[in-house]
Amino acid sequence: QVSLVESGGGAVETGGSLTLSCKDSRATYWGHCKGWFRQVPGKEREGVAALGEDGSTNYAESVKGRFTISLDKDKNTHYLQMNSLKPEDTGMYYCAASRGWCYGVTQFLSQSNPGGHWGQGTQVTVSS
């Protein structure tokens, strides 16, 4: 049973920074897509950032230039560095990883990691 364990959420003021982390229980990184999604009550889940096995990335337009996704392959842990946070970044953030080899970072976000694995979610709150 694969599990993804998140940490790093919290409350910050506008302009602040947070780093989320997601530890994948699989002992070895085998080229999975890695990513982050977020959701606010009453809205659909939104893809935020994705990272492919070849280093390709995909970001939501709203976070480009502010958020950075990265991966420590040795730890099989991926991260989301969030800078210049805005109130509209508030939401529950979920980490995600594909079940198998990464099939493409665009599909991973647009199709919401079909059949993949999910973290439990961590709340990010940005106050104005």
N, C-alpha and C. Protein backbone atom coordinates (compact mmCIF):
# COMPACT_ATOMS: atom_id res chain seq x y z
N GLN A 1 0.84 -1.18 0.00
CA GLN A 1 0.00 0.00 0.00
C GLN A 1 0.88 1.23 0.00
N VAL A 2 0.75 2.04 -1.06
CA VAL A 2 1.54 3.25 -1.17
C VAL A 2 0.88 4.37 -0.39
N SER A 3 1.67 5.13 0.33
CA SER A 3 1.15 6.30 1.02
C SER A 3 2.02 7.51 0.71
N LEU A 4 1.38 8.66 0.70
CA LEU A 4 2.07 9.93 0.54
C LEU A 4 1.79 10.74 1.80
N VAL A 5 2.82 11.19 2.46
CA VAL A 5 2.67 11.93 3.71
C VAL A 5 3.16 13.35 3.51
N GLU A 6 2.25 14.29 3.72
CA GLU A 6 2.57 15.70 3.51
C GLU A 6 2.91 16.39 4.81
N SER A 7 3.63 17.48 4.66
CA SER A 7 3.87 18.36 5.79
C SER A 7 4.19 19.75 5.26
N GLY A 8 4.10 20.74 6.15
CA GLY A 8 4.56 22.07 5.79
C GLY A 8 3.49 23.13 5.61
N GLY A 9 2.23 22.77 5.70
CA GLY A 9 1.20 23.78 5.56
C GLY A 9 1.18 24.72 6.76
N GLY A 10 0.37 25.75 6.67
CA GLY A 10 0.26 26.70 7.77
C GLY A 10 -0.39 27.99 7.34
N ALA A 11 -0.26 28.98 8.21
CA ALA A 11 -0.84 30.29 7.95
C ALA A 11 0.26 31.33 7.82
N VAL A 12 0.16 32.12 6.76
CA VAL A 12 1.14 33.18 6.53
C VAL A 12 0.41 34.43 6.07
N GLU A 13 1.12 35.54 6.09
CA GLU A 13 0.57 36.78 5.55
C GLU A 13 0.89 36.91 4.07
N THR A 14 0.16 37.76 3.40
CA THR A 14 0.42 38.03 2.00
C THR A 14 1.89 38.40 1.79
N GLY A 15 2.47 37.77 0.77
CA GLY A 15 3.88 38.01 0.47
C GLY A 15 4.81 37.02 1.14
N GLY A 16 4.28 36.21 2.03
CA GLY A 16 5.10 35.25 2.73
C GLY A 16 5.42 34.01 1.90
N SER A 17 6.13 33.09 2.53
CA SER A 17 6.55 31.87 1.85
C SER A 17 6.27 30.65 2.71
N LEU A 18 6.05 29.55 2.04
CA LEU A 18 5.90 28.25 2.69
C LEU A 18 6.50 27.20 1.78
N THR A 19 6.96 26.12 2.40
CA THR A 19 7.43 24.97 1.63
C THR A 19 6.68 23.73 2.08
N LEU A 20 6.02 23.08 1.14
CA LEU A 20 5.33 21.83 1.41
C LEU A 20 6.23 20.67 1.00
N SER A 21 6.14 19.59 1.73
CA SER A 21 6.89 18.39 1.37
C SER A 21 5.97 17.19 1.32
N CYS A 22 6.35 16.20 0.55
CA CYS A 22 5.52 15.01 0.36
C CYS A 22 6.43 13.79 0.26
N LYS A 23 6.38 12.94 1.28
CA LYS A 23 7.20 11.74 1.31
C LYS A 23 6.42 10.56 0.75
N ASP A 24 6.97 9.97 -0.30
CA ASP A 24 6.37 8.80 -0.94
C ASP A 24 6.91 7.55 -0.25
N SER A 25 6.02 6.64 0.14
CA SER A 25 6.45 5.46 0.88
C SER A 25 7.20 4.43 0.03
N ARG A 26 7.12 4.57 -1.29
CA ARG A 26 7.87 3.66 -2.16
C ARG A 26 9.36 3.92 -1.96
N ALA A 27 10.10 2.86 -1.76
CA ALA A 27 11.51 2.98 -1.38
C ALA A 27 12.35 3.61 -2.48
N THR A 28 11.93 3.41 -3.71
CA THR A 28 12.73 3.88 -4.84
C THR A 28 11.90 4.74 -5.76
N TYR A 29 12.53 5.79 -6.25
CA TYR A 29 11.87 6.61 -7.24
C TYR A 29 12.04 5.95 -8.60
N TRP A 30 10.92 5.65 -9.25
CA TRP A 30 10.97 4.95 -10.53
C TRP A 30 10.40 5.79 -11.66
N GLY A 31 10.61 7.11 -11.59
CA GLY A 31 10.17 7.93 -12.71
C GLY A 31 8.69 8.29 -12.67
N HIS A 32 8.12 8.33 -11.50
CA HIS A 32 6.72 8.72 -11.38
C HIS A 32 6.53 10.20 -11.64
N CYS A 33 5.35 10.57 -12.12
CA CYS A 33 4.97 11.98 -12.10
C CYS A 33 4.78 12.36 -10.64
N LYS A 34 5.19 13.57 -10.29
CA LYS A 34 4.99 14.10 -8.94
C LYS A 34 4.27 15.44 -9.09
N GLY A 35 3.39 15.74 -8.15
CA GLY A 35 2.70 17.00 -8.31
C GLY A 35 1.96 17.46 -7.08
N TRP A 36 1.32 18.62 -7.25
CA TRP A 36 0.53 19.25 -6.20
C TRP A 36 -0.77 19.78 -6.79
N PHE A 37 -1.83 19.61 -6.03
CA PHE A 37 -3.14 20.11 -6.38
C PHE A 37 -3.67 20.89 -5.19
N ARG A 38 -4.67 21.72 -5.42
CA ARG A 38 -5.29 22.42 -4.30
C ARG A 38 -6.78 22.51 -4.54
N GLN A 39 -7.49 22.70 -3.44
CA GLN A 39 -8.94 22.80 -3.51
C GLN A 39 -9.45 23.71 -2.42
N VAL A 40 -10.43 24.52 -2.78
CA VAL A 40 -11.14 25.34 -1.80
C VAL A 40 -12.59 24.90 -1.81
N PRO A 41 -13.28 25.08 -0.69
CA PRO A 41 -14.68 24.64 -0.62
C PRO A 41 -15.52 25.26 -1.73
N GLY A 42 -16.31 24.43 -2.38
CA GLY A 42 -17.21 24.91 -3.42
C GLY A 42 -16.59 24.99 -4.79
N LYS A 43 -15.29 24.67 -4.89
CA LYS A 43 -14.61 24.71 -6.18
C LYS A 43 -13.99 23.37 -6.50
N GLU A 44 -13.75 23.15 -7.78
CA GLU A 44 -13.10 21.91 -8.19
C GLU A 44 -11.61 21.95 -7.82
N ARG A 45 -11.08 20.76 -7.66
CA ARG A 45 -9.65 20.64 -7.39
C ARG A 45 -8.86 21.17 -8.59
N GLU A 46 -7.81 21.90 -8.30
CA GLU A 46 -7.01 22.57 -9.34
C GLU A 46 -5.58 22.04 -9.33
N GLY A 47 -5.07 21.73 -10.50
CA GLY A 47 -3.67 21.33 -10.59
C GLY A 47 -2.77 22.53 -10.43
N VAL A 48 -1.77 22.42 -9.58
CA VAL A 48 -0.89 23.55 -9.29
C VAL A 48 0.47 23.39 -9.95
N ALA A 49 1.09 22.22 -9.75
CA ALA A 49 2.43 22.02 -10.31
C ALA A 49 2.69 20.54 -10.49
N ALA A 50 3.48 20.22 -11.51
CA ALA A 50 3.83 18.83 -11.77
C ALA A 50 5.27 18.74 -12.24
N LEU A 51 5.88 17.60 -11.94
CA LEU A 51 7.28 17.36 -12.32
C LEU A 51 7.38 15.97 -12.93
N GLY A 52 8.00 15.89 -14.09
CA GLY A 52 8.16 14.62 -14.77
C GLY A 52 9.52 14.00 -14.51
N GLU A 53 9.67 12.75 -14.94
CA GLU A 53 10.91 12.02 -14.70
C GLU A 53 12.07 12.61 -15.49
N ASP A 54 11.76 13.38 -16.52
CA ASP A 54 12.80 14.00 -17.34
C ASP A 54 13.09 15.44 -16.91
N GLY A 55 12.51 15.84 -15.79
CA GLY A 55 12.72 17.20 -15.30
C GLY A 55 11.74 18.21 -15.85
N SER A 56 10.85 17.78 -16.72
CA SER A 56 9.84 18.69 -17.26
C SER A 56 8.90 19.12 -16.14
N THR A 57 8.40 20.33 -16.25
CA THR A 57 7.49 20.86 -15.26
C THR A 57 6.26 21.46 -15.94
N ASN A 58 5.21 21.57 -15.15
CA ASN A 58 3.98 22.20 -15.61
C ASN A 58 3.38 22.92 -14.43
N TYR A 59 3.06 24.18 -14.62
CA TYR A 59 2.50 24.99 -13.54
C TYR A 59 1.19 25.62 -13.98
N ALA A 60 0.30 25.80 -13.01
CA ALA A 60 -0.88 26.61 -13.27
C ALA A 60 -0.44 28.04 -13.54
N GLU A 61 -1.14 28.71 -14.44
CA GLU A 61 -0.77 30.08 -14.80
C GLU A 61 -0.70 30.99 -13.57
N SER A 62 -1.59 30.75 -12.64
CA SER A 62 -1.70 31.63 -11.48
C SER A 62 -0.50 31.54 -10.54
N VAL A 63 0.33 30.50 -10.68
CA VAL A 63 1.46 30.34 -9.74
C VAL A 63 2.81 30.43 -10.43
N LYS A 64 2.81 30.56 -11.74
CA LYS A 64 4.08 30.63 -12.47
C LYS A 64 4.92 31.80 -11.97
N GLY A 65 6.19 31.52 -11.76
CA GLY A 65 7.11 32.54 -11.27
C GLY A 65 7.12 32.69 -9.76
N ARG A 66 6.16 32.06 -9.08
CA ARG A 66 6.08 32.16 -7.61
C ARG A 66 6.30 30.81 -6.94
N PHE A 67 5.83 29.74 -7.57
CA PHE A 67 5.94 28.40 -6.98
C PHE A 67 6.97 27.59 -7.76
N THR A 68 7.67 26.71 -7.04
CA THR A 68 8.65 25.83 -7.66
C THR A 68 8.49 24.43 -7.11
N ILE A 69 8.36 23.47 -8.01
CA ILE A 69 8.29 22.07 -7.60
C ILE A 69 9.67 21.44 -7.77
N SER A 70 10.04 20.58 -6.82
CA SER A 70 11.33 19.91 -6.89
C SER A 70 11.22 18.53 -6.28
N LEU A 71 12.26 17.74 -6.52
CA LEU A 71 12.24 16.35 -6.09
C LEU A 71 13.61 15.94 -5.57
N ASP A 72 13.62 15.29 -4.42
CA ASP A 72 14.82 14.62 -3.92
C ASP A 72 14.63 13.14 -4.22
N LYS A 73 15.29 12.66 -5.26
CA LYS A 73 15.08 11.28 -5.69
C LYS A 73 15.55 10.28 -4.65
N ASP A 74 16.63 10.61 -3.94
CA ASP A 74 17.16 9.69 -2.94
C ASP A 74 16.16 9.47 -1.81
N LYS A 75 15.43 10.50 -1.47
CA LYS A 75 14.44 10.41 -0.40
C LYS A 75 13.04 10.11 -0.93
N ASN A 76 12.91 10.14 -2.26
CA ASN A 76 11.60 9.98 -2.91
C ASN A 76 10.59 10.93 -2.25
N THR A 77 11.03 12.16 -2.13
CA THR A 77 10.22 13.22 -1.51
C THR A 77 10.19 14.41 -2.46
N HIS A 78 9.00 14.93 -2.72
CA HIS A 78 8.93 16.13 -3.54
C HIS A 78 8.41 17.30 -2.73
N TYR A 79 8.69 18.47 -3.24
CA TYR A 79 8.47 19.71 -2.50
C TYR A 79 7.74 20.73 -3.36
N LEU A 80 7.10 21.66 -2.70
CA LEU A 80 6.53 22.82 -3.38
C LEU A 80 6.96 24.06 -2.60
N GLN A 81 7.87 24.80 -3.19
CA GLN A 81 8.28 26.06 -2.60
C GLN A 81 7.33 27.14 -3.10
N MET A 82 6.67 27.81 -2.17
CA MET A 82 5.67 28.82 -2.51
C MET A 82 6.14 30.17 -1.99
N ASN A 83 6.38 31.08 -2.90
CA ASN A 83 6.82 32.43 -2.55
C ASN A 83 5.76 33.44 -2.97
N SER A 84 5.88 34.64 -2.43
CA SER A 84 4.95 35.73 -2.77
C SER A 84 3.51 35.27 -2.69
N LEU A 85 3.17 34.65 -1.60
CA LEU A 85 1.84 34.08 -1.46
C LEU A 85 0.76 35.16 -1.43
N LYS A 86 -0.38 34.80 -2.00
CA LYS A 86 -1.52 35.70 -2.08
C LYS A 86 -2.72 35.06 -1.39
N PRO A 87 -3.69 35.86 -0.97
CA PRO A 87 -4.89 35.28 -0.34
C PRO A 87 -5.57 34.23 -1.23
N GLU A 88 -5.53 34.41 -2.53
CA GLU A 88 -6.17 33.44 -3.43
C GLU A 88 -5.41 32.12 -3.52
N ASP A 89 -4.25 32.02 -2.90
CA ASP A 89 -3.55 30.74 -2.81
C ASP A 89 -4.07 29.89 -1.66
N THR A 90 -4.94 30.45 -0.86
CA THR A 90 -5.50 29.72 0.27
C THR A 90 -6.25 28.49 -0.20
N GLY A 91 -6.05 27.38 0.49
CA GLY A 91 -6.76 26.16 0.14
C GLY A 91 -6.13 24.95 0.78
N MET A 92 -6.74 23.80 0.52
CA MET A 92 -6.17 22.53 0.96
C MET A 92 -5.28 22.03 -0.18
N TYR A 93 -4.03 21.78 0.15
CA TYR A 93 -3.07 21.34 -0.84
C TYR A 93 -2.84 19.83 -0.71
N TYR A 94 -2.93 19.15 -1.84
CA TYR A 94 -2.76 17.71 -1.87
C TYR A 94 -1.56 17.36 -2.74
N CYS A 95 -0.69 16.53 -2.21
CA CYS A 95 0.38 16.04 -3.06
C CYS A 95 -0.12 14.80 -3.80
N ALA A 96 0.52 14.51 -4.90
CA ALA A 96 0.09 13.41 -5.75
C ALA A 96 1.29 12.80 -6.45
N ALA A 97 1.14 11.53 -6.77
CA ALA A 97 2.17 10.82 -7.52
C ALA A 97 1.50 9.77 -8.39
N SER A 98 2.01 9.62 -9.58
CA SER A 98 1.41 8.63 -10.47
C SER A 98 1.70 7.21 -9.98
N ARG A 99 0.86 6.30 -10.42
CA ARG A 99 1.02 4.90 -10.01
C ARG A 99 2.25 4.29 -10.65
N GLY A 100 2.51 4.65 -11.89
CA GLY A 100 3.64 4.09 -12.61
C GLY A 100 4.48 5.18 -13.23
N TRP A 101 5.16 4.82 -14.32
CA TRP A 101 6.04 5.76 -15.01
C TRP A 101 5.26 6.99 -15.44
N CYS A 102 5.91 8.15 -15.35
CA CYS A 102 5.24 9.40 -15.69
C CYS A 102 4.83 9.43 -17.15
N TYR A 103 3.56 9.72 -17.39
CA TYR A 103 3.01 9.73 -18.75
C TYR A 103 2.93 11.14 -19.34
N GLY A 104 3.34 12.11 -18.56
CA GLY A 104 3.31 13.48 -19.06
C GLY A 104 2.77 14.44 -18.03
N VAL A 105 3.48 15.53 -17.82
CA VAL A 105 3.09 16.46 -16.75
C VAL A 105 1.82 17.23 -17.10
N THR A 106 1.57 17.42 -18.39
CA THR A 106 0.35 18.13 -18.77
C THR A 106 -0.88 17.29 -18.47
N GLN A 107 -0.84 16.03 -18.88
CA GLN A 107 -1.95 15.12 -18.58
C GLN A 107 -2.11 14.91 -17.09
N PHE A 108 -0.99 14.81 -16.40
CA PHE A 108 -1.03 14.56 -14.95
C PHE A 108 -1.87 15.63 -14.25
N LEU A 109 -1.67 16.89 -14.66
CA LEU A 109 -2.44 17.96 -14.03
C LEU A 109 -3.85 18.06 -14.59
N SER A 110 -3.97 18.00 -15.90
CA SER A 110 -5.28 18.22 -16.51
C SER A 110 -6.26 17.10 -16.20
N GLN A 111 -5.75 15.87 -16.01
CA GLN A 111 -6.61 14.73 -15.71
C GLN A 111 -6.59 14.37 -14.23
N SER A 112 -5.95 15.22 -13.43
CA SER A 112 -5.92 15.02 -11.96
C SER A 112 -5.40 13.66 -11.56
N ASN A 113 -4.22 13.29 -12.12
CA ASN A 113 -3.53 12.10 -11.64
C ASN A 113 -4.43 10.87 -11.63
N PRO A 114 -4.96 10.50 -12.79
CA PRO A 114 -5.90 9.37 -12.82
C PRO A 114 -5.28 8.08 -12.32
N GLY A 115 -5.96 7.45 -11.37
CA GLY A 115 -5.50 6.18 -10.84
C GLY A 115 -4.26 6.25 -9.99
N GLY A 116 -3.83 7.45 -9.66
CA GLY A 116 -2.59 7.63 -8.91
C GLY A 116 -2.80 7.68 -7.41
N HIS A 117 -1.77 8.10 -6.73
CA HIS A 117 -1.77 8.14 -5.27
C HIS A 117 -1.87 9.58 -4.78
N TRP A 118 -2.48 9.74 -3.58
CA TRP A 118 -2.73 11.07 -3.05
C TRP A 118 -2.32 11.17 -1.59
N GLY A 119 -1.89 12.36 -1.20
CA GLY A 119 -1.65 12.65 0.20
C GLY A 119 -2.95 13.01 0.89
N GLN A 120 -2.84 13.23 2.19
CA GLN A 120 -4.03 13.48 3.00
C GLN A 120 -4.48 14.94 2.94
N GLY A 121 -3.61 15.80 2.45
CA GLY A 121 -3.93 17.22 2.36
C GLY A 121 -3.34 18.01 3.51
N THR A 122 -2.92 19.21 3.19
CA THR A 122 -2.41 20.13 4.21
C THR A 122 -2.95 21.52 3.91
N GLN A 123 -3.42 22.21 4.94
CA GLN A 123 -4.08 23.49 4.75
C GLN A 123 -3.04 24.62 4.64
N VAL A 124 -3.26 25.48 3.65
CA VAL A 124 -2.47 26.70 3.50
C VAL A 124 -3.44 27.87 3.57
N THR A 125 -3.17 28.80 4.47
CA THR A 125 -4.02 29.97 4.63
C THR A 125 -3.17 31.22 4.51
N VAL A 126 -3.55 32.08 3.58
CA VAL A 126 -2.82 33.33 3.37
C VAL A 126 -3.74 34.48 3.72
N SER A 127 -3.35 35.27 4.69
CA SER A 127 -4.18 36.39 5.12
C SER A 127 -3.71 37.68 4.46
N SER A 128 -4.68 38.56 4.26
CA SER A 128 -4.35 39.83 3.60
C SER A 128 -3.91 40.88 4.62
